[in-house]
Amino acid sequence: MKNKKLSVSVVMVIYNEEKLFERAIGSFYDLVDEIIIVHDGKYIDQSLEIARKYTE
């Protein structure tokens, strides 16, 4: 049996969560292959800028 590499993705739906957002991403960033962030509404905080820190 061949060893298959599993891919792990995280999907986060957020709405102006800058206070918890970076801490949450930091807790799993090195453990997953993909992070998908969906912001539900207009950006009125720094969530988008925080997300950009974690892009390649």
Protein backbone atom coordinates (compact mmCIF):
# COMPACT_ATOMS: atom_id res chain seq x y z
CA MET A 1 0.00 0.00 0.00
CA LYS A 2 1.37 3.38 -1.00
CA ASN A 3 1.67 6.13 1.54
CA LYS A 4 -0.58 8.99 0.52
CA LYS A 5 -0.03 12.47 1.80
CA LEU A 6 -3.18 13.92 3.24
CA SER A 7 -4.01 17.54 2.63
CA VAL A 8 -5.57 19.58 5.41
CA SER A 9 -7.49 22.80 4.81
CA VAL A 10 -9.04 25.23 7.27
CA VAL A 11 -11.99 27.44 6.37
CA MET A 12 -12.70 30.42 8.60
CA VAL A 13 -15.76 32.63 8.31
CA ILE A 14 -15.05 35.85 10.14
CA TYR A 15 -16.64 39.23 10.71
CA ASN A 16 -14.37 41.90 12.15
CA GLU A 17 -12.44 39.49 14.35
CA GLU A 18 -9.09 41.26 14.53
CA LYS A 19 -8.79 40.70 18.29
CA LEU A 20 -8.85 36.89 17.97
CA PHE A 21 -8.01 36.34 14.33
CA GLU A 22 -4.20 36.41 14.39
CA ARG A 23 -4.02 34.22 17.47
CA ALA A 24 -6.37 31.70 15.84
CA ILE A 25 -4.40 31.52 12.58
CA GLY A 26 -1.12 31.29 14.45
CA SER A 27 -2.36 28.27 16.36
CA PHE A 28 -2.68 26.11 13.23
CA TYR A 29 -0.74 27.90 10.47
CA ASP A 30 2.16 25.43 10.42
CA LEU A 31 -0.14 22.40 10.58
CA VAL A 32 -2.31 22.92 7.51
CA ASP A 33 -1.79 23.08 3.76
CA GLU A 34 -4.40 25.69 2.98
CA ILE A 35 -6.32 28.41 4.81
CA ILE A 36 -9.47 29.85 3.29
CA ILE A 37 -10.82 33.00 4.92
CA VAL A 38 -14.29 34.32 4.18
CA HIS A 39 -15.13 37.71 5.63
CA ASP A 40 -18.86 38.14 6.02
CA GLY A 41 -19.48 41.83 5.56
CA LYS A 42 -17.66 45.11 5.23
CA TYR A 43 -14.15 45.39 6.63
CA ILE A 44 -14.11 47.91 9.45
CA ASP A 45 -11.13 46.51 11.34
CA GLN A 46 -7.65 45.12 10.52
CA SER A 47 -8.75 41.55 9.66
CA LEU A 48 -7.76 41.85 5.99
CA GLU A 49 -4.31 43.16 6.85
CA ILE A 50 -3.80 40.34 9.34
CA ALA A 51 -4.82 37.76 6.71
CA ARG A 52 -2.32 39.25 4.26
CA LYS A 53 0.52 38.52 6.70
CA TYR A 54 -0.12 34.82 6.16
CA THR A 55 -0.19 34.76 2.36
CA GLU A 56 2.66 33.34 0.34
